[in-house]
Amino acid sequence: MPDYFDEFSKHLISDDKPSGYFRKIEDEDFFNNDYPFTLLSRLKHTEQNPKWHPEGNVWNHTLKVVDNGALVRDKSDDKKVFMWSCLLHDIGKPATTKIRRGKITAYDHDRAGEKLSVDFLGALNCDDEFIYKVSKMVRWHMQVLMVIKNLPFADIETMVREVPVYEIALLAMCDRLGRGEVTERVLSEEKRNMRYFLEKCMPYIKSLK
């Protein structure tokens, strides 16, 4: 197998819009037929609730998130981990997407995605530390939403032990802005949400010191 990890990484870290590269390969045989790339290609066939995701399927959303990530990757402490987390953040959706009461849902896709990102990167022979960091970013990328909405599934205490909080906030912002049109109002609201999230996390971060 060619070294697709390095090839993907090059575009994720260097391209202004990495989506251009992935659009070029999305119809190639290896991407649609060879494991582990099938874990990504099936995102093209996984639909989302149009109320929250007017951009369409999970692959469309993922590429918007990757391009958002490229705009802010220099703010990350580890660009490679961050950009791979953007690419794999919703890898768990095909396995968890269901129709419930006439609506498309993907409950627990973050938990499913943690394992699948380990499988994906393991198949590319990535080192254990890198796999751990990306998989934990995938695991916790929904935590921002849970915290700002005060949902019972919020678990800040565990999250701050496993991932850098600022990195999760950055990923979550890219994720939230990867849906439909980004207006000034939407951008302002998401920035406000991120500040609230970071404030909520501070006591837990201080307790680790």
C-alpha atoms as a PDB file:
ATOM      1  CA  MET A   1       0.000   0.000   0.000  1.00  0.00           C
ATOM      2  CA  PRO A   2       1.355   3.470  -0.856  1.00  0.00           C
ATOM      3  CA  ASP A   3       2.081   5.732   2.101  1.00  0.00           C
ATOM      4  CA  TYR A   4      -1.311   7.380   2.182  1.00  0.00           C
ATOM      5  CA  PHE A   5      -0.768   8.612   5.720  1.00  0.00           C
ATOM      6  CA  ASP A   6       2.026  10.916   4.578  1.00  0.00           C
ATOM      7  CA  GLU A   7       0.067  11.892   1.470  1.00  0.00           C
ATOM      8  CA  PHE A   8      -3.055  12.764   3.462  1.00  0.00           C
ATOM      9  CA  SER A   9      -0.972  14.560   6.088  1.00  0.00           C
ATOM     10  CA  LYS A  10       0.788  16.674   3.475  1.00  0.00           C
ATOM     11  CA  HIS A  11      -2.496  18.012   2.142  1.00  0.00           C
ATOM     12  CA  LEU A  12      -4.108  18.384   5.550  1.00  0.00           C
ATOM     13  CA  ILE A  13      -1.222  20.418   6.883  1.00  0.00           C
ATOM     14  CA  SER A  14      -0.246  22.426   3.784  1.00  0.00           C
ATOM     15  CA  ASP A  15      -3.266  23.009   1.525  1.00  0.00           C
ATOM     16  CA  ASP A  16      -5.378  26.140   1.891  1.00  0.00           C
ATOM     17  CA  LYS A  17      -8.395  23.943   1.151  1.00  0.00           C
ATOM     18  CA  PRO A  18      -7.576  20.262   1.752  1.00  0.00           C
ATOM     19  CA  SER A  19     -11.049  19.358   0.486  1.00  0.00           C
ATOM     20  CA  GLY A  20      -9.750  19.859  -3.066  1.00  0.00           C
ATOM     21  CA  TYR A  21      -7.400  16.891  -2.706  1.00  0.00           C
ATOM     22  CA  PHE A  22     -10.042  14.664  -1.132  1.00  0.00           C
ATOM     23  CA  ARG A  23     -12.557  15.534  -3.838  1.00  0.00           C
ATOM     24  CA  LYS A  24      -9.994  14.385  -6.401  1.00  0.00           C
ATOM     25  CA  ILE A  25      -9.557  10.970  -4.784  1.00  0.00           C
ATOM     26  CA  GLU A  26     -13.105  10.341  -3.567  1.00  0.00           C
ATOM     27  CA  ASP A  27     -14.027   8.312  -6.673  1.00  0.00           C
ATOM     28  CA  GLU A  28     -10.775   6.346  -6.942  1.00  0.00           C
ATOM     29  CA  ASP A  29     -10.889   2.581  -6.484  1.00  0.00           C
ATOM     30  CA  PHE A  30      -8.649   2.453  -3.434  1.00  0.00           C
ATOM     31  CA  PHE A  31     -10.764   5.018  -1.599  1.00  0.00           C
ATOM     32  CA  ASN A  32     -14.015   3.177  -2.204  1.00  0.00           C
ATOM     33  CA  ASN A  33     -12.859  -0.430  -2.034  1.00  0.00           C
ATOM     34  CA  ASP A  34      -9.762  -0.747   0.155  1.00  0.00           C
ATOM     35  CA  TYR A  35      -9.781  -0.874   3.938  1.00  0.00           C
ATOM     36  CA  PRO A  36      -9.392   1.379   5.928  1.00  0.00           C
ATOM     37  CA  PHE A  37     -10.398   4.011   3.356  1.00  0.00           C
ATOM     38  CA  THR A  38     -13.868   2.507   3.129  1.00  0.00           C
ATOM     39  CA  LEU A  39     -14.383   3.914   6.640  1.00  0.00           C
ATOM     40  CA  LEU A  40     -14.216   7.330   4.989  1.00  0.00           C
ATOM     41  CA  SER A  41     -15.892   6.597   1.659  1.00  0.00           C
ATOM     42  CA  ARG A  42     -19.034   5.367   3.394  1.00  0.00           C
ATOM     43  CA  LEU A  43     -19.455   8.864   4.806  1.00  0.00           C
ATOM     44  CA  LYS A  44     -20.614   9.783   1.283  1.00  0.00           C
ATOM     45  CA  HIS A  45     -23.611   7.515   1.731  1.00  0.00           C
ATOM     46  CA  THR A  46     -24.532   8.577   5.250  1.00  0.00           C
ATOM     47  CA  GLU A  47     -27.205  11.248   5.332  1.00  0.00           C
ATOM     48  CA  GLN A  48     -27.794  13.736   8.135  1.00  0.00           C
ATOM     49  CA  ASN A  49     -30.732  15.623   9.567  1.00  0.00           C
ATOM     50  CA  PRO A  50     -31.220  18.504   7.090  1.00  0.00           C
ATOM     51  CA  LYS A  51     -32.397  20.770   9.904  1.00  0.00           C
ATOM     52  CA  TRP A  52     -28.907  20.750  11.399  1.00  0.00           C
ATOM     53  CA  HIS A  53     -26.896  19.794   8.318  1.00  0.00           C
ATOM     54  CA  PRO A  54     -28.179  21.513   5.169  1.00  0.00           C
ATOM     55  CA  GLU A  55     -24.825  20.730   3.530  1.00  0.00           C
ATOM     56  CA  GLY A  56     -25.978  17.133   3.078  1.00  0.00           C
ATOM     57  CA  ASN A  57     -24.146  13.891   3.786  1.00  0.00           C
ATOM     58  CA  VAL A  58     -21.387  13.342   6.335  1.00  0.00           C
ATOM     59  CA  TRP A  59     -18.644  13.492   3.697  1.00  0.00           C
ATOM     60  CA  ASN A  60     -19.768  16.948   2.570  1.00  0.00           C
ATOM     61  CA  HIS A  61     -19.766  18.037   6.192  1.00  0.00           C
ATOM     62  CA  THR A  62     -16.360  16.493   6.883  1.00  0.00           C
ATOM     63  CA  LEU A  63     -14.734  18.340   4.005  1.00  0.00           C
ATOM     64  CA  LYS A  64     -16.192  21.631   5.201  1.00  0.00           C
ATOM     65  CA  VAL A  65     -14.756  20.920   8.648  1.00  0.00           C
ATOM     66  CA  VAL A  66     -11.356  20.085   7.165  1.00  0.00           C
ATOM     67  CA  ASP A  67     -11.325  23.390   5.279  1.00  0.00           C
ATOM     68  CA  ASN A  68     -12.359  25.220   8.440  1.00  0.00           C
ATOM     69  CA  GLY A  69      -9.529  23.462  10.217  1.00  0.00           C
ATOM     70  CA  ALA A  70      -7.041  24.678   7.635  1.00  0.00           C
ATOM     71  CA  LEU A  71      -8.015  28.257   8.466  1.00  0.00           C
ATOM     72  CA  VAL A  72      -7.091  27.863  12.141  1.00  0.00           C
ATOM     73  CA  ARG A  73      -4.554  25.012  12.234  1.00  0.00           C
ATOM     74  CA  ASP A  74      -1.726  27.437  13.066  1.00  0.00           C
ATOM     75  CA  LYS A  75      -3.508  28.068  16.369  1.00  0.00           C
ATOM     76  CA  SER A  76      -3.177  24.388  17.270  1.00  0.00           C
ATOM     77  CA  ASP A  77      -0.285  23.044  19.318  1.00  0.00           C
ATOM     78  CA  ASP A  78      -0.140  19.972  17.075  1.00  0.00           C
ATOM     79  CA  LYS A  79      -1.342  20.646  13.539  1.00  0.00           C
ATOM     80  CA  LYS A  80      -1.099  17.040  12.400  1.00  0.00           C
ATOM     81  CA  VAL A  81      -3.191  15.701  15.278  1.00  0.00           C
ATOM     82  CA  PHE A  82      -5.660  18.546  14.888  1.00  0.00           C
ATOM     83  CA  MET A  83      -6.165  18.162  11.132  1.00  0.00           C
ATOM     84  CA  TRP A  84      -6.470  14.388  11.288  1.00  0.00           C
ATOM     85  CA  SER A  85      -9.057  14.895  14.023  1.00  0.00           C
ATOM     86  CA  CYS A  86     -10.992  17.164  11.657  1.00  0.00           C
ATOM     87  CA  LEU A  87     -10.902  14.459   8.978  1.00  0.00           C
ATOM     88  CA  LEU A  88     -11.931  11.595  11.282  1.00  0.00           C
ATOM     89  CA  HIS A  89     -14.214  13.371  13.743  1.00  0.00           C
ATOM     90  CA  ASP A  90     -17.442  11.865  12.330  1.00  0.00           C
ATOM     91  CA  ILE A  91     -16.064   8.501  11.248  1.00  0.00           C
ATOM     92  CA  GLY A  92     -18.485   6.890  13.699  1.00  0.00           C
ATOM     93  CA  LYS A  93     -21.640   8.227  12.062  1.00  0.00           C
ATOM     94  CA  PRO A  94     -22.221   5.469   9.484  1.00  0.00           C
ATOM     95  CA  ALA A  95     -22.294   2.892  12.273  1.00  0.00           C
ATOM     96  CA  THR A  96     -24.668   4.892  14.463  1.00  0.00           C
ATOM     97  CA  THR A  97     -26.985   6.713  12.044  1.00  0.00           C
ATOM     98  CA  LYS A  98     -30.610   5.631  12.370  1.00  0.00           C
ATOM     99  CA  ILE A  99     -34.107   6.933  11.682  1.00  0.00           C
ATOM    100  CA  ARG A 100     -35.876   7.645  14.952  1.00  0.00           C
ATOM    101  CA  ARG A 101     -39.418   9.005  14.867  1.00  0.00           C
ATOM    102  CA  GLY A 102     -38.878  10.119  11.307  1.00  0.00           C
ATOM    103  CA  LYS A 103     -35.635  11.972  12.066  1.00  0.00           C
ATOM    104  CA  ILE A 104     -32.040  11.072  11.217  1.00  0.00           C
ATOM    105  CA  THR A 105     -29.911  10.673  14.343  1.00  0.00           C
ATOM    106  CA  ALA A 106     -26.367   9.519  15.104  1.00  0.00           C
ATOM    107  CA  TYR A 107     -26.302   9.121  18.863  1.00  0.00           C
ATOM    108  CA  ASP A 108     -22.949   8.090  20.365  1.00  0.00           C
ATOM    109  CA  HIS A 109     -21.083   8.563  17.083  1.00  0.00           C
ATOM    110  CA  ASP A 110     -18.287  10.155  19.105  1.00  0.00           C
ATOM    111  CA  ARG A 111     -17.789   6.982  21.134  1.00  0.00           C
ATOM    112  CA  ALA A 112     -18.020   4.755  18.055  1.00  0.00           C
ATOM    113  CA  GLY A 113     -15.645   7.100  16.261  1.00  0.00           C
ATOM    114  CA  GLU A 114     -13.000   6.743  18.940  1.00  0.00           C
ATOM    115  CA  LYS A 115     -12.619   3.037  18.189  1.00  0.00           C
ATOM    116  CA  LEU A 116     -12.907   3.417  14.428  1.00  0.00           C
ATOM    117  CA  SER A 117     -10.247   6.137  14.338  1.00  0.00           C
ATOM    118  CA  VAL A 118      -7.937   3.757  16.216  1.00  0.00           C
ATOM    119  CA  ASP A 119      -8.684   1.092  13.610  1.00  0.00           C
ATOM    120  CA  PHE A 120      -8.171   3.500  10.708  1.00  0.00           C
ATOM    121  CA  LEU A 121      -4.857   4.909  11.883  1.00  0.00           C
ATOM    122  CA  GLY A 122      -3.655   1.519  13.076  1.00  0.00           C
ATOM    123  CA  ALA A 123      -4.176   0.141   9.586  1.00  0.00           C
ATOM    124  CA  LEU A 124      -1.887   2.937   8.321  1.00  0.00           C
ATOM    125  CA  ASN A 125       0.786   1.876  10.838  1.00  0.00           C
ATOM    126  CA  CYS A 126       0.695   5.110  12.818  1.00  0.00           C
ATOM    127  CA  ASP A 127       2.468   5.199  16.153  1.00  0.00           C
ATOM    128  CA  ASP A 128       0.491   4.567  19.318  1.00  0.00           C
ATOM    129  CA  GLU A 129       0.863   8.071  20.742  1.00  0.00           C
ATOM    130  CA  PHE A 130      -0.501   9.701  17.595  1.00  0.00           C
ATOM    131  CA  ILE A 131      -3.402   7.246  17.439  1.00  0.00           C
ATOM    132  CA  TYR A 132      -4.256   7.921  21.066  1.00  0.00           C
ATOM    133  CA  LYS A 133      -4.254  11.698  20.622  1.00  0.00           C
ATOM    134  CA  VAL A 134      -6.450  11.679  17.509  1.00  0.00           C
ATOM    135  CA  SER A 135      -8.870   9.071  18.843  1.00  0.00           C
ATOM    136  CA  LYS A 136      -9.394  11.046  22.035  1.00  0.00           C
ATOM    137  CA  MET A 137     -10.071  14.203  20.036  1.00  0.00           C
ATOM    138  CA  VAL A 138     -12.696  12.249  18.105  1.00  0.00           C
ATOM    139  CA  ARG A 139     -14.106  10.854  21.348  1.00  0.00           C
ATOM    140  CA  TRP A 140     -14.590  14.267  22.953  1.00  0.00           C
ATOM    141  CA  HIS A 141     -15.492  16.483  19.991  1.00  0.00           C
ATOM    142  CA  MET A 142     -19.172  16.557  20.987  1.00  0.00           C
ATOM    143  CA  GLN A 143     -18.421  17.525  24.563  1.00  0.00           C
ATOM    144  CA  VAL A 144     -18.538  21.246  23.830  1.00  0.00           C
ATOM    145  CA  LEU A 145     -22.181  20.978  22.749  1.00  0.00           C
ATOM    146  CA  MET A 146     -23.016  18.920  25.829  1.00  0.00           C
ATOM    147  CA  VAL A 147     -21.384  21.455  28.129  1.00  0.00           C
ATOM    148  CA  ILE A 148     -22.931  24.596  26.632  1.00  0.00           C
ATOM    149  CA  LYS A 149     -26.367  22.965  26.649  1.00  0.00           C
ATOM    150  CA  ASN A 150     -25.868  21.614  30.198  1.00  0.00           C
ATOM    151  CA  LEU A 151     -26.715  18.092  29.071  1.00  0.00           C
ATOM    152  CA  PRO A 152     -26.384  15.195  31.541  1.00  0.00           C
ATOM    153  CA  PHE A 153     -23.840  13.495  29.259  1.00  0.00           C
ATOM    154  CA  ALA A 154     -21.264  16.230  29.899  1.00  0.00           C
ATOM    155  CA  ASP A 155     -18.121  14.830  31.529  1.00  0.00           C
ATOM    156  CA  ILE A 156     -15.595  17.640  31.776  1.00  0.00           C
ATOM    157  CA  GLU A 157     -13.599  15.903  34.480  1.00  0.00           C
ATOM    158  CA  THR A 158     -12.688  12.932  32.284  1.00  0.00           C
ATOM    159  CA  MET A 159     -12.263  15.023  29.159  1.00  0.00           C
ATOM    160  CA  VAL A 160      -9.641  17.356  30.668  1.00  0.00           C
ATOM    161  CA  ARG A 161      -7.551  14.324  31.646  1.00  0.00           C
ATOM    162  CA  GLU A 162      -7.518  12.961  28.105  1.00  0.00           C
ATOM    163  CA  VAL A 163      -7.340  15.929  25.710  1.00  0.00           C
ATOM    164  CA  PRO A 164      -6.153  19.541  25.659  1.00  0.00           C
ATOM    165  CA  VAL A 165      -9.307  21.574  26.203  1.00  0.00           C
ATOM    166  CA  TYR A 166      -8.314  24.364  23.819  1.00  0.00           C
ATOM    167  CA  GLU A 167      -7.757  21.836  21.019  1.00  0.00           C
ATOM    168  CA  ILE A 168     -11.220  20.379  21.552  1.00  0.00           C
ATOM    169  CA  ALA A 169     -12.725  23.861  21.495  1.00  0.00           C
ATOM    170  CA  LEU A 170     -10.941  24.584  18.218  1.00  0.00           C
ATOM    171  CA  LEU A 171     -12.169  21.323  16.673  1.00  0.00           C
ATOM    172  CA  ALA A 172     -15.707  21.903  17.908  1.00  0.00           C
ATOM    173  CA  MET A 173     -15.744  25.377  16.393  1.00  0.00           C
ATOM    174  CA  CYS A 174     -14.688  23.966  12.999  1.00  0.00           C
ATOM    175  CA  ASP A 175     -17.340  21.271  13.360  1.00  0.00           C
ATOM    176  CA  ARG A 176     -20.116  23.707  14.224  1.00  0.00           C
ATOM    177  CA  LEU A 177     -19.180  26.038  11.375  1.00  0.00           C
ATOM    178  CA  GLY A 178     -19.141  23.126   8.916  1.00  0.00           C
ATOM    179  CA  ARG A 179     -22.912  23.225   8.587  1.00  0.00           C
ATOM    180  CA  GLY A 180     -24.589  25.350   5.970  1.00  0.00           C
ATOM    181  CA  GLU A 181     -23.899  29.048   5.572  1.00  0.00           C
ATOM    182  CA  VAL A 182     -21.632  30.814   8.055  1.00  0.00           C
ATOM    183  CA  THR A 183     -22.983  34.287   8.787  1.00  0.00           C
ATOM    184  CA  GLU A 184     -21.527  36.914  11.119  1.00  0.00           C
ATOM    185  CA  ARG A 185     -24.283  36.112  13.601  1.00  0.00           C
ATOM    186  CA  VAL A 186     -23.463  32.400  13.541  1.00  0.00           C
ATOM    187  CA  LEU A 187     -19.739  33.069  13.905  1.00  0.00           C
ATOM    188  CA  SER A 188     -20.316  35.430  16.822  1.00  0.00           C
ATOM    189  CA  GLU A 189     -22.582  32.916  18.548  1.00  0.00           C
ATOM    190  CA  GLU A 190     -20.078  30.086  18.182  1.00  0.00           C
ATOM    191  CA  LYS A 191     -17.234  32.219  19.527  1.00  0.00           C
ATOM    192  CA  ARG A 192     -19.400  33.051  22.526  1.00  0.00           C
ATOM    193  CA  ASN A 193     -20.156  29.355  23.029  1.00  0.00           C
ATOM    194  CA  MET A 194     -16.454  28.488  22.952  1.00  0.00           C
ATOM    195  CA  ARG A 195     -15.649  31.112  25.569  1.00  0.00           C
ATOM    196  CA  TYR A 196     -18.406  29.732  27.797  1.00  0.00           C
ATOM    197  CA  PHE A 197     -17.096  26.194  27.334  1.00  0.00           C
ATOM    198  CA  LEU A 198     -13.535  27.171  28.255  1.00  0.00           C
ATOM    199  CA  GLU A 199     -14.759  29.028  31.334  1.00  0.00           C
ATOM    200  CA  LYS A 200     -16.682  25.952  32.470  1.00  0.00           C
ATOM    201  CA  CYS A 201     -13.568  23.826  32.037  1.00  0.00           C
ATOM    202  CA  MET A 202     -11.180  26.054  33.977  1.00  0.00           C
ATOM    203  CA  PRO A 203     -11.948  24.731  37.498  1.00  0.00           C
ATOM    204  CA  TYR A 204     -11.328  21.179  36.301  1.00  0.00           C
ATOM    205  CA  ILE A 205      -8.073  22.146  34.614  1.00  0.00           C
ATOM    206  CA  LYS A 206      -6.844  23.899  37.748  1.00  0.00           C
ATOM    207  CA  SER A 207      -7.644  20.820  39.828  1.00  0.00           C
ATOM    208  CA  LEU A 208      -5.151  18.799  37.783  1.00  0.00           C
ATOM    209  CA  LYS A 209      -2.252  21.098  38.683  1.00  0.00           C
END
